Amino acid sequence: IALGYEPRPQFVDLHVRTQRWAVAVAHRRAAKTVACIAELITRAATFARADGRFAYVAPRLNQAKDIAWHYLLHYSAGFAPHRKVSASELWIELPNNRAQIRLYGAENPDRLRGLRLDGVVLDEYGDMEPRTWTQVIAPALSDREGWAIFIGTPKGRNGFYRVWQAAAHDPDWLQLTLKASATR
């Protein structure tokens, strides 16, 4: 799929993973959001079922819009003019299989209840209530065995740290650490 996206070498493992779950600790400006938006679009475009539902979740809706909306529009532009866009509700729908990618905020986790998701990116999960994952997002992924990627920067021993620790020795998880000293 030609998105106009060229992955940085440090994100190749994320894109070719076979694990259902992934967690990436990355420094600011590592391009983790760009990589994950490209992953959402690629997975949505190649989704075998109709009406796939994919999400990018930031701690607050205005953060999701400020951080990811322009990337979502830019990297999905190759699907225009048949791609549907709702700027007011922050979603795009791809024309080939009607898969939808939507941006959400986690400031009210109960607002996300009842969703069915096939894939999700949780950005800066350490700034979200942990129940966002355990009580809301994980159940939304269960029906169709969806996948999740947690991305963020270290901020102490919070929920993101606990996800990182839990993934350390679990073969169902991909772990990436992108240090500023080792990446450009």
N, C-alpha and C. Protein backbone atom coordinates (compact mmCIF):
# COMPACT_ATOMS: atom_id res chain seq x y z
N ILE A 1 0.86 -1.18 0.00
CA ILE A 1 0.00 0.00 0.00
C ILE A 1 0.89 1.22 0.00
N ALA A 2 0.69 2.09 -0.95
CA ALA A 2 1.51 3.30 -1.08
C ALA A 2 0.90 4.43 -0.25
N LEU A 3 1.47 4.65 0.93
CA LEU A 3 0.98 5.70 1.80
C LEU A 3 1.85 6.94 1.74
N GLY A 4 3.02 6.82 1.12
CA GLY A 4 3.98 7.90 1.17
C GLY A 4 4.74 7.90 2.49
N TYR A 5 4.70 6.77 3.17
CA TYR A 5 5.35 6.62 4.47
C TYR A 5 6.56 5.72 4.31
N GLU A 6 7.69 6.20 4.78
CA GLU A 6 8.93 5.41 4.77
C GLU A 6 9.31 5.16 6.23
N PRO A 7 9.17 3.92 6.71
CA PRO A 7 9.44 3.68 8.13
C PRO A 7 10.90 3.89 8.49
N ARG A 8 11.10 4.50 9.63
CA ARG A 8 12.46 4.58 10.17
C ARG A 8 12.87 3.15 10.55
N PRO A 9 14.15 2.84 10.46
CA PRO A 9 14.60 1.47 10.74
C PRO A 9 14.13 0.94 12.09
N GLN A 10 14.05 1.80 13.09
CA GLN A 10 13.67 1.34 14.42
C GLN A 10 12.22 0.88 14.51
N PHE A 11 11.38 1.21 13.51
CA PHE A 11 9.98 0.80 13.54
C PHE A 11 9.65 -0.39 12.63
N VAL A 12 10.63 -0.91 11.93
CA VAL A 12 10.38 -2.05 11.05
C VAL A 12 9.84 -3.24 11.84
N ASP A 13 10.43 -3.52 13.00
CA ASP A 13 9.95 -4.64 13.82
C ASP A 13 8.48 -4.47 14.20
N LEU A 14 8.06 -3.26 14.46
CA LEU A 14 6.66 -2.99 14.79
C LEU A 14 5.75 -3.36 13.62
N HIS A 15 6.18 -3.00 12.41
CA HIS A 15 5.34 -3.22 11.23
C HIS A 15 5.30 -4.68 10.76
N VAL A 16 6.32 -5.43 11.08
CA VAL A 16 6.36 -6.83 10.62
C VAL A 16 6.08 -7.82 11.75
N ARG A 17 5.66 -7.34 12.88
CA ARG A 17 5.45 -8.21 14.03
C ARG A 17 4.35 -9.23 13.76
N THR A 18 4.44 -10.33 14.47
CA THR A 18 3.39 -11.34 14.43
C THR A 18 2.61 -11.36 15.75
N GLN A 19 3.11 -10.65 16.75
CA GLN A 19 2.45 -10.60 18.05
C GLN A 19 1.20 -9.74 17.97
N ARG A 20 0.22 -10.11 18.75
CA ARG A 20 -1.04 -9.36 18.84
C ARG A 20 -0.85 -8.05 19.59
N TRP A 21 0.05 -8.02 20.53
CA TRP A 21 0.26 -6.87 21.39
C TRP A 21 1.67 -6.31 21.19
N ALA A 22 1.79 -5.00 21.35
CA ALA A 22 3.11 -4.36 21.25
C ALA A 22 3.15 -3.18 22.21
N VAL A 23 4.33 -2.93 22.73
CA VAL A 23 4.57 -1.77 23.59
C VAL A 23 5.90 -1.16 23.17
N ALA A 24 5.88 0.16 22.95
CA ALA A 24 7.08 0.86 22.50
C ALA A 24 7.33 2.06 23.39
N VAL A 25 8.47 2.05 24.05
CA VAL A 25 8.94 3.19 24.83
C VAL A 25 9.85 3.97 23.90
N ALA A 26 9.49 5.19 23.63
CA ALA A 26 10.26 5.98 22.67
C ALA A 26 10.36 7.43 23.13
N HIS A 27 11.47 8.03 22.80
CA HIS A 27 11.70 9.43 23.16
C HIS A 27 10.82 10.36 22.33
N ARG A 28 10.72 11.57 22.75
CA ARG A 28 9.97 12.57 21.99
C ARG A 28 10.63 12.75 20.62
N ARG A 29 9.84 12.95 19.62
CA ARG A 29 10.28 13.17 18.23
C ARG A 29 10.85 11.90 17.60
N ALA A 30 10.54 10.74 18.15
CA ALA A 30 11.01 9.47 17.57
C ALA A 30 10.15 9.06 16.38
N ALA A 31 9.04 9.74 16.15
CA ALA A 31 8.09 9.45 15.07
C ALA A 31 7.20 8.25 15.37
N LYS A 32 6.94 8.01 16.65
CA LYS A 32 6.10 6.87 17.03
C LYS A 32 4.66 7.07 16.59
N THR A 33 4.14 8.29 16.63
CA THR A 33 2.78 8.53 16.17
C THR A 33 2.66 8.30 14.68
N VAL A 34 3.60 8.79 13.91
CA VAL A 34 3.58 8.59 12.46
C VAL A 34 3.61 7.09 12.14
N ALA A 35 4.49 6.35 12.80
CA ALA A 35 4.58 4.91 12.56
C ALA A 35 3.26 4.22 12.89
N CYS A 36 2.64 4.63 13.98
CA CYS A 36 1.40 3.96 14.39
C CYS A 36 0.21 4.36 13.54
N ILE A 37 0.17 5.59 13.05
CA ILE A 37 -0.90 5.98 12.12
C ILE A 37 -0.74 5.19 10.82
N ALA A 38 0.49 5.05 10.34
CA ALA A 38 0.72 4.24 9.13
C ALA A 38 0.31 2.79 9.38
N GLU A 39 0.59 2.28 10.57
CA GLU A 39 0.19 0.91 10.91
C GLU A 39 -1.33 0.77 10.92
N LEU A 40 -2.02 1.74 11.51
CA LEU A 40 -3.49 1.71 11.53
C LEU A 40 -4.05 1.70 10.11
N ILE A 41 -3.53 2.58 9.25
CA ILE A 41 -4.04 2.67 7.88
C ILE A 41 -3.76 1.38 7.12
N THR A 42 -2.56 0.87 7.23
CA THR A 42 -2.19 -0.37 6.52
C THR A 42 -3.05 -1.54 6.99
N ARG A 43 -3.19 -1.68 8.30
CA ARG A 43 -3.99 -2.79 8.83
C ARG A 43 -5.47 -2.64 8.46
N ALA A 44 -5.98 -1.41 8.47
CA ALA A 44 -7.38 -1.18 8.09
C ALA A 44 -7.58 -1.48 6.61
N ALA A 45 -6.66 -1.04 5.78
CA ALA A 45 -6.79 -1.22 4.33
C ALA A 45 -6.70 -2.69 3.92
N THR A 46 -5.98 -3.47 4.69
CA THR A 46 -5.80 -4.89 4.35
C THR A 46 -6.67 -5.81 5.20
N PHE A 47 -7.56 -5.23 5.97
CA PHE A 47 -8.41 -6.02 6.85
C PHE A 47 -9.34 -6.89 6.02
N ALA A 48 -9.42 -8.16 6.35
CA ALA A 48 -10.16 -9.12 5.52
C ALA A 48 -11.67 -9.01 5.66
N ARG A 49 -12.14 -8.47 6.75
CA ARG A 49 -13.58 -8.34 6.95
C ARG A 49 -14.05 -6.94 6.57
N ALA A 50 -15.33 -6.82 6.30
CA ALA A 50 -15.90 -5.49 6.05
C ALA A 50 -16.15 -4.80 7.39
N ASP A 51 -16.21 -3.51 7.36
CA ASP A 51 -16.55 -2.70 8.53
C ASP A 51 -15.57 -2.86 9.68
N GLY A 52 -14.29 -2.92 9.38
CA GLY A 52 -13.29 -2.95 10.45
C GLY A 52 -13.31 -1.64 11.23
N ARG A 53 -13.00 -1.72 12.48
CA ARG A 53 -12.98 -0.54 13.34
C ARG A 53 -11.62 -0.45 14.03
N PHE A 54 -10.96 0.66 13.79
CA PHE A 54 -9.62 0.89 14.31
C PHE A 54 -9.60 2.24 15.01
N ALA A 55 -8.74 2.38 16.02
CA ALA A 55 -8.76 3.60 16.81
C ALA A 55 -7.36 4.02 17.23
N TYR A 56 -7.20 5.32 17.32
CA TYR A 56 -6.04 5.95 17.94
C TYR A 56 -6.59 6.66 19.17
N VAL A 57 -6.06 6.33 20.35
CA VAL A 57 -6.56 6.90 21.60
C VAL A 57 -5.43 7.64 22.29
N ALA A 58 -5.67 8.91 22.58
CA ALA A 58 -4.74 9.74 23.35
C ALA A 58 -5.40 10.04 24.70
N PRO A 59 -4.64 10.55 25.65
CA PRO A 59 -5.25 10.85 26.95
C PRO A 59 -6.44 11.81 26.87
N ARG A 60 -6.40 12.74 25.95
CA ARG A 60 -7.49 13.70 25.77
C ARG A 60 -7.82 13.81 24.27
N LEU A 61 -9.08 14.04 23.96
CA LEU A 61 -9.50 14.13 22.57
C LEU A 61 -8.78 15.26 21.84
N ASN A 62 -8.61 16.41 22.49
CA ASN A 62 -7.91 17.50 21.81
C ASN A 62 -6.46 17.13 21.52
N GLN A 63 -5.84 16.30 22.36
CA GLN A 63 -4.50 15.81 22.07
C GLN A 63 -4.50 14.91 20.84
N ALA A 64 -5.46 14.01 20.78
CA ALA A 64 -5.55 13.11 19.62
C ALA A 64 -5.67 13.92 18.34
N LYS A 65 -6.51 14.93 18.37
CA LYS A 65 -6.70 15.77 17.19
C LYS A 65 -5.42 16.53 16.85
N ASP A 66 -4.81 17.16 17.84
CA ASP A 66 -3.59 17.94 17.60
C ASP A 66 -2.42 17.08 17.16
N ILE A 67 -2.31 15.88 17.72
CA ILE A 67 -1.16 15.02 17.45
C ILE A 67 -1.32 14.18 16.19
N ALA A 68 -2.50 13.59 15.99
CA ALA A 68 -2.62 12.55 14.97
C ALA A 68 -3.51 12.86 13.79
N TRP A 69 -4.44 13.80 13.88
CA TRP A 69 -5.42 14.01 12.81
C TRP A 69 -4.76 14.35 11.48
N HIS A 70 -3.80 15.28 11.48
CA HIS A 70 -3.17 15.65 10.20
C HIS A 70 -2.38 14.49 9.61
N TYR A 71 -1.78 13.65 10.45
CA TYR A 71 -1.08 12.47 9.93
C TYR A 71 -2.07 11.48 9.31
N LEU A 72 -3.21 11.30 9.95
CA LEU A 72 -4.23 10.39 9.43
C LEU A 72 -4.72 10.87 8.06
N LEU A 73 -4.98 12.15 7.94
CA LEU A 73 -5.42 12.70 6.65
C LEU A 73 -4.32 12.58 5.60
N HIS A 74 -3.11 12.94 5.97
CA HIS A 74 -2.00 12.93 5.02
C HIS A 74 -1.69 11.53 4.49
N TYR A 75 -1.55 10.56 5.39
CA TYR A 75 -1.15 9.22 4.96
C TYR A 75 -2.29 8.39 4.37
N SER A 76 -3.51 8.85 4.51
CA SER A 76 -4.64 8.16 3.86
C SER A 76 -5.07 8.86 2.58
N ALA A 77 -4.37 9.92 2.20
CA ALA A 77 -4.75 10.70 1.02
C ALA A 77 -4.77 9.88 -0.26
N GLY A 78 -3.99 8.83 -0.35
CA GLY A 78 -3.97 7.97 -1.53
C GLY A 78 -5.28 7.27 -1.79
N PHE A 79 -6.15 7.23 -0.80
CA PHE A 79 -7.46 6.60 -0.96
C PHE A 79 -8.51 7.60 -1.45
N ALA A 80 -8.14 8.88 -1.52
CA ALA A 80 -9.06 9.90 -2.02
C ALA A 80 -9.21 9.70 -3.53
N PRO A 81 -10.27 10.07 -4.15
CA PRO A 81 -11.40 10.83 -3.62
C PRO A 81 -12.49 9.96 -3.00
N HIS A 82 -12.28 8.65 -2.94
CA HIS A 82 -13.35 7.76 -2.45
C HIS A 82 -13.30 7.53 -0.94
N ARG A 83 -12.26 8.00 -0.31
CA ARG A 83 -12.17 7.93 1.15
C ARG A 83 -13.19 8.90 1.73
N LYS A 84 -13.88 8.46 2.77
CA LYS A 84 -14.81 9.35 3.47
C LYS A 84 -14.10 9.95 4.67
N VAL A 85 -14.37 11.23 4.94
CA VAL A 85 -13.74 11.93 6.05
C VAL A 85 -14.79 12.67 6.85
N SER A 86 -14.74 12.52 8.15
CA SER A 86 -15.57 13.33 9.04
C SER A 86 -14.64 14.10 9.97
N ALA A 87 -14.40 15.36 9.63
CA ALA A 87 -13.54 16.19 10.46
C ALA A 87 -14.19 16.50 11.80
N SER A 88 -15.50 16.56 11.84
CA SER A 88 -16.18 16.88 13.10
C SER A 88 -16.13 15.70 14.08
N GLU A 89 -16.14 14.47 13.56
CA GLU A 89 -16.10 13.30 14.43
C GLU A 89 -14.73 12.61 14.41
N LEU A 90 -13.79 13.15 13.65
CA LEU A 90 -12.41 12.68 13.60
C LEU A 90 -12.28 11.22 13.17
N TRP A 91 -12.88 10.88 12.02
CA TRP A 91 -12.71 9.56 11.47
C TRP A 91 -12.56 9.62 9.96
N ILE A 92 -11.92 8.59 9.44
CA ILE A 92 -11.88 8.36 7.99
C ILE A 92 -12.40 6.95 7.75
N GLU A 93 -12.98 6.76 6.58
CA GLU A 93 -13.44 5.43 6.16
C GLU A 93 -12.79 5.12 4.83
N LEU A 94 -12.17 3.96 4.74
CA LEU A 94 -11.48 3.56 3.52
C LEU A 94 -12.48 2.96 2.54
N PRO A 95 -12.30 3.20 1.26
CA PRO A 95 -13.31 2.79 0.28
C PRO A 95 -13.35 1.29 -0.02
N ASN A 96 -12.24 0.59 0.11
CA ASN A 96 -12.20 -0.80 -0.35
C ASN A 96 -12.98 -1.76 0.54
N ASN A 97 -12.99 -1.53 1.86
CA ASN A 97 -13.66 -2.47 2.76
C ASN A 97 -14.47 -1.76 3.85
N ARG A 98 -14.64 -0.48 3.71
CA ARG A 98 -15.38 0.36 4.65
C ARG A 98 -14.78 0.33 6.06
N ALA A 99 -13.50 0.02 6.16
CA ALA A 99 -12.84 0.08 7.46
C ALA A 99 -12.74 1.54 7.90
N GLN A 100 -12.95 1.76 9.18
CA GLN A 100 -12.94 3.11 9.72
C GLN A 100 -11.83 3.24 10.75
N ILE A 101 -11.15 4.37 10.72
CA ILE A 101 -10.14 4.71 11.72
C ILE A 101 -10.62 5.99 12.38
N ARG A 102 -10.67 5.97 13.72
CA ARG A 102 -11.22 7.11 14.44
C ARG A 102 -10.29 7.50 15.60
N LEU A 103 -10.25 8.78 15.88
CA LEU A 103 -9.49 9.29 17.00
C LEU A 103 -10.40 9.45 18.21
N TYR A 104 -9.87 9.09 19.38
CA TYR A 104 -10.62 9.19 20.63
C TYR A 104 -9.74 9.78 21.71
N GLY A 105 -10.38 10.32 22.73
CA GLY A 105 -9.71 10.73 23.95
C GLY A 105 -10.13 9.80 25.06
N ALA A 106 -9.23 9.60 26.04
CA ALA A 106 -9.51 8.70 27.15
C ALA A 106 -9.87 9.45 28.43
N GLU A 107 -10.20 10.74 28.31
CA GLU A 107 -10.53 11.49 29.51
C GLU A 107 -11.79 10.98 30.19
N ASN A 108 -12.66 10.33 29.43
CA ASN A 108 -13.85 9.69 29.98
C ASN A 108 -13.89 8.26 29.44
N PRO A 109 -13.22 7.33 30.11
CA PRO A 109 -13.15 5.95 29.58
C PRO A 109 -14.52 5.33 29.32
N ASP A 110 -15.52 5.70 30.12
CA ASP A 110 -16.84 5.12 29.92
C ASP A 110 -17.44 5.52 28.58
N ARG A 111 -17.00 6.62 28.01
CA ARG A 111 -17.45 7.05 26.68
C ARG A 111 -17.05 6.04 25.61
N LEU A 112 -16.02 5.27 25.89
CA LEU A 112 -15.51 4.29 24.93
C LEU A 112 -16.16 2.91 25.08
N ARG A 113 -16.95 2.74 26.11
CA ARG A 113 -17.60 1.44 26.35
C ARG A 113 -18.53 1.09 25.20
N GLY A 114 -18.59 -0.18 24.90
CA GLY A 114 -19.51 -0.66 23.87
C GLY A 114 -18.95 -0.65 22.47
N LEU A 115 -17.75 -0.09 22.29
CA LEU A 115 -17.13 -0.11 20.97
C LEU A 115 -16.70 -1.53 20.63
N ARG A 116 -16.67 -1.82 19.34
CA ARG A 116 -16.03 -3.04 18.84
C ARG A 116 -14.81 -2.55 18.10
N LEU A 117 -13.65 -3.05 18.46
CA LEU A 117 -12.41 -2.62 17.82
C LEU A 117 -11.65 -3.81 17.26
N ASP A 118 -11.00 -3.57 16.13
CA ASP A 118 -10.16 -4.58 15.50
C ASP A 118 -8.68 -4.27 15.69
N GLY A 119 -8.38 -3.05 16.05
CA GLY A 119 -7.01 -2.63 16.33
C GLY A 119 -7.02 -1.26 16.96
N VAL A 120 -6.05 -1.03 17.86
CA VAL A 120 -6.01 0.24 18.58
C VAL A 120 -4.58 0.62 18.91
N VAL A 121 -4.33 1.91 18.89
CA VAL A 121 -3.07 2.48 19.37
C VAL A 121 -3.42 3.32 20.59
N LEU A 122 -2.75 3.06 21.70
CA LEU A 122 -2.92 3.83 22.93
C LEU A 122 -1.66 4.66 23.13
N ASP A 123 -1.77 5.96 22.87
CA ASP A 123 -0.62 6.87 22.93
C ASP A 123 -0.56 7.53 24.30
N GLU A 124 0.61 7.50 24.90
CA GLU A 124 0.84 8.03 26.25
C GLU A 124 -0.13 7.39 27.24
N TYR A 125 -0.16 6.07 27.23
CA TYR A 125 -1.04 5.31 28.11
C TYR A 125 -0.79 5.63 29.59
N GLY A 126 0.41 6.01 29.94
CA GLY A 126 0.72 6.36 31.32
C GLY A 126 -0.09 7.53 31.84
N ASP A 127 -0.64 8.34 30.95
CA ASP A 127 -1.48 9.47 31.34
C ASP A 127 -2.96 9.12 31.34
N MET A 128 -3.29 7.86 31.10
CA MET A 128 -4.69 7.40 31.10
C MET A 128 -4.97 6.62 32.38
N GLU A 129 -6.23 6.57 32.75
CA GLU A 129 -6.63 5.69 33.84
C GLU A 129 -6.38 4.25 33.38
N PRO A 130 -5.73 3.42 34.20
CA PRO A 130 -5.46 2.03 33.79
C PRO A 130 -6.71 1.25 33.40
N ARG A 131 -7.87 1.59 33.97
CA ARG A 131 -9.09 0.87 33.61
C ARG A 131 -9.50 1.13 32.16
N THR A 132 -8.92 2.16 31.54
CA THR A 132 -9.20 2.39 30.12
C THR A 132 -8.85 1.14 29.31
N TRP A 133 -7.75 0.51 29.67
CA TRP A 133 -7.34 -0.72 28.99
C TRP A 133 -8.10 -1.93 29.54
N THR A 134 -8.02 -2.13 30.83
CA THR A 134 -8.51 -3.37 31.42
C THR A 134 -10.03 -3.53 31.33
N GLN A 135 -10.76 -2.44 31.51
CA GLN A 135 -12.22 -2.54 31.56
C GLN A 135 -12.92 -2.10 30.28
N VAL A 136 -12.22 -1.39 29.41
CA VAL A 136 -12.90 -0.83 28.24
C VAL A 136 -12.28 -1.31 26.92
N ILE A 137 -11.02 -1.03 26.69
CA ILE A 137 -10.40 -1.32 25.39
C ILE A 137 -10.18 -2.82 25.19
N ALA A 138 -9.60 -3.50 26.17
CA ALA A 138 -9.35 -4.95 26.02
C ALA A 138 -10.64 -5.71 25.71
N PRO A 139 -11.75 -5.46 26.41
CA PRO A 139 -12.99 -6.14 26.04
C PRO A 139 -13.48 -5.77 24.63
N ALA A 140 -13.23 -4.53 24.19
CA ALA A 140 -13.66 -4.10 22.85
C ALA A 140 -12.90 -4.84 21.75
N LEU A 141 -11.72 -5.33 22.08
CA LEU A 141 -10.89 -6.07 21.12
C LEU A 141 -11.18 -7.57 21.13
N SER A 142 -11.85 -8.05 22.14
CA SER A 142 -11.97 -9.50 22.34
C SER A 142 -12.82 -10.22 21.31
N ASP A 143 -13.92 -9.63 20.87
CA ASP A 143 -14.84 -10.32 19.95
C ASP A 143 -14.16 -10.82 18.68
N ARG A 144 -13.33 -9.95 18.09
CA ARG A 144 -12.72 -10.30 16.81
C ARG A 144 -11.20 -10.44 16.93
N GLU A 145 -10.73 -10.66 18.17
CA GLU A 145 -9.32 -10.87 18.44
C GLU A 145 -8.46 -9.75 17.87
N GLY A 146 -8.84 -8.52 18.18
CA GLY A 146 -8.10 -7.35 17.72
C GLY A 146 -6.74 -7.21 18.39
N TRP A 147 -5.97 -6.26 17.94
CA TRP A 147 -4.61 -6.04 18.41
C TRP A 147 -4.49 -4.66 19.05
N ALA A 148 -3.40 -4.46 19.81
CA ALA A 148 -3.16 -3.17 20.45
C ALA A 148 -1.67 -2.85 20.46
N ILE A 149 -1.39 -1.56 20.31
CA ILE A 149 -0.04 -1.03 20.44
C ILE A 149 -0.09 0.08 21.49
N PHE A 150 0.77 -0.03 22.49
CA PHE A 150 0.92 1.00 23.51
C PHE A 150 2.20 1.77 23.18
N ILE A 151 2.11 3.09 23.08
CA ILE A 151 3.31 3.89 22.83
C ILE A 151 3.38 5.01 23.86
N GLY A 152 4.59 5.44 24.14
CA GLY A 152 4.73 6.54 25.09
C GLY A 152 6.17 6.79 25.47
N THR A 153 6.30 7.77 26.35
CA THR A 153 7.59 8.14 26.89
C THR A 153 7.57 7.79 28.39
N PRO A 154 8.72 7.43 28.93
CA PRO A 154 8.77 7.06 30.35
C PRO A 154 8.41 8.25 31.24
N LYS A 155 7.56 8.00 32.24
CA LYS A 155 7.17 9.03 33.21
C LYS A 155 7.02 8.41 34.59
N GLY A 156 7.91 7.55 34.96
CA GLY A 156 7.81 6.91 36.27
C GLY A 156 7.13 5.56 36.20
N ARG A 157 6.72 5.07 37.34
CA ARG A 157 6.15 3.72 37.45
C ARG A 157 4.63 3.79 37.45
N ASN A 158 4.09 4.11 36.30
CA ASN A 158 2.64 4.27 36.12
C ASN A 158 2.08 3.08 35.34
N GLY A 159 0.88 3.22 34.80
CA GLY A 159 0.25 2.15 34.03
C GLY A 159 1.06 1.73 32.82
N PHE A 160 1.69 2.68 32.15
CA PHE A 160 2.51 2.36 30.98
C PHE A 160 3.71 1.50 31.41
N TYR A 161 4.32 1.86 32.51
CA TYR A 161 5.43 1.08 33.06
C TYR A 161 4.98 -0.35 33.37
N ARG A 162 3.79 -0.49 33.96
CA ARG A 162 3.28 -1.81 34.31
C ARG A 162 3.01 -2.66 33.06
N VAL A 163 2.50 -2.03 32.00
CA VAL A 163 2.32 -2.76 30.73
C VAL A 163 3.68 -3.22 30.21
N TRP A 164 4.66 -2.33 30.25
CA TRP A 164 6.01 -2.65 29.80
C TRP A 164 6.57 -3.84 30.59
N GLN A 165 6.42 -3.80 31.91
CA GLN A 165 6.93 -4.88 32.76
C GLN A 165 6.21 -6.20 32.46
N ALA A 166 4.91 -6.17 32.30
CA ALA A 166 4.14 -7.38 32.03
C ALA A 166 4.53 -8.00 30.69
N ALA A 167 4.90 -7.17 29.74
CA ALA A 167 5.26 -7.66 28.40
C ALA A 167 6.68 -8.23 28.33
N ALA A 168 7.47 -7.96 29.33
CA ALA A 168 8.90 -8.29 29.28
C ALA A 168 9.21 -9.74 28.94
N HIS A 169 8.43 -10.66 29.47
CA HIS A 169 8.74 -12.08 29.26
C HIS A 169 7.57 -12.82 28.64
N ASP A 170 6.75 -12.10 27.90
CA ASP A 170 5.56 -12.70 27.31
C ASP A 170 5.74 -12.76 25.79
N PRO A 171 5.78 -13.95 25.20
CA PRO A 171 6.00 -14.06 23.76
C PRO A 171 4.86 -13.50 22.91
N ASP A 172 3.72 -13.21 23.52
CA ASP A 172 2.61 -12.60 22.78
C ASP A 172 2.79 -11.10 22.61
N TRP A 173 3.85 -10.56 23.19
CA TRP A 173 4.11 -9.12 23.14
C TRP A 173 5.42 -8.82 22.40
N LEU A 174 5.41 -7.74 21.64
CA LEU A 174 6.63 -7.15 21.08
C LEU A 174 6.97 -5.96 21.95
N GLN A 175 8.22 -5.87 22.36
CA GLN A 175 8.71 -4.72 23.12
C GLN A 175 9.74 -3.98 22.29
N LEU A 176 9.59 -2.68 22.21
CA LEU A 176 10.59 -1.82 21.55
C LEU A 176 11.04 -0.75 22.54
N THR A 177 12.32 -0.50 22.57
CA THR A 177 12.86 0.62 23.33
C THR A 177 13.66 1.46 22.36
N LEU A 178 13.25 2.71 22.20
CA LEU A 178 13.93 3.61 21.28
C LEU A 178 14.51 4.77 22.08
N LYS A 179 15.80 4.65 22.40
CA LYS A 179 16.49 5.70 23.16
C LYS A 179 16.96 6.80 22.22
N ALA A 180 16.90 8.02 22.71
CA ALA A 180 17.35 9.16 21.90
C ALA A 180 18.81 9.02 21.50
N SER A 181 19.60 8.42 22.36
CA SER A 181 21.03 8.25 22.08
C SER A 181 21.30 7.23 20.98
N ALA A 182 20.33 6.39 20.68
CA ALA A 182 20.54 5.31 19.69
C ALA A 182 19.72 5.49 18.42
N THR A 183 18.88 6.50 18.36
CA THR A 183 18.04 6.73 17.17
C THR A 183 18.16 8.18 16.75
N ARG A 184 17.77 8.43 15.52
CA ARG A 184 17.86 9.82 15.05
C ARG A 184 16.52 10.48 15.06
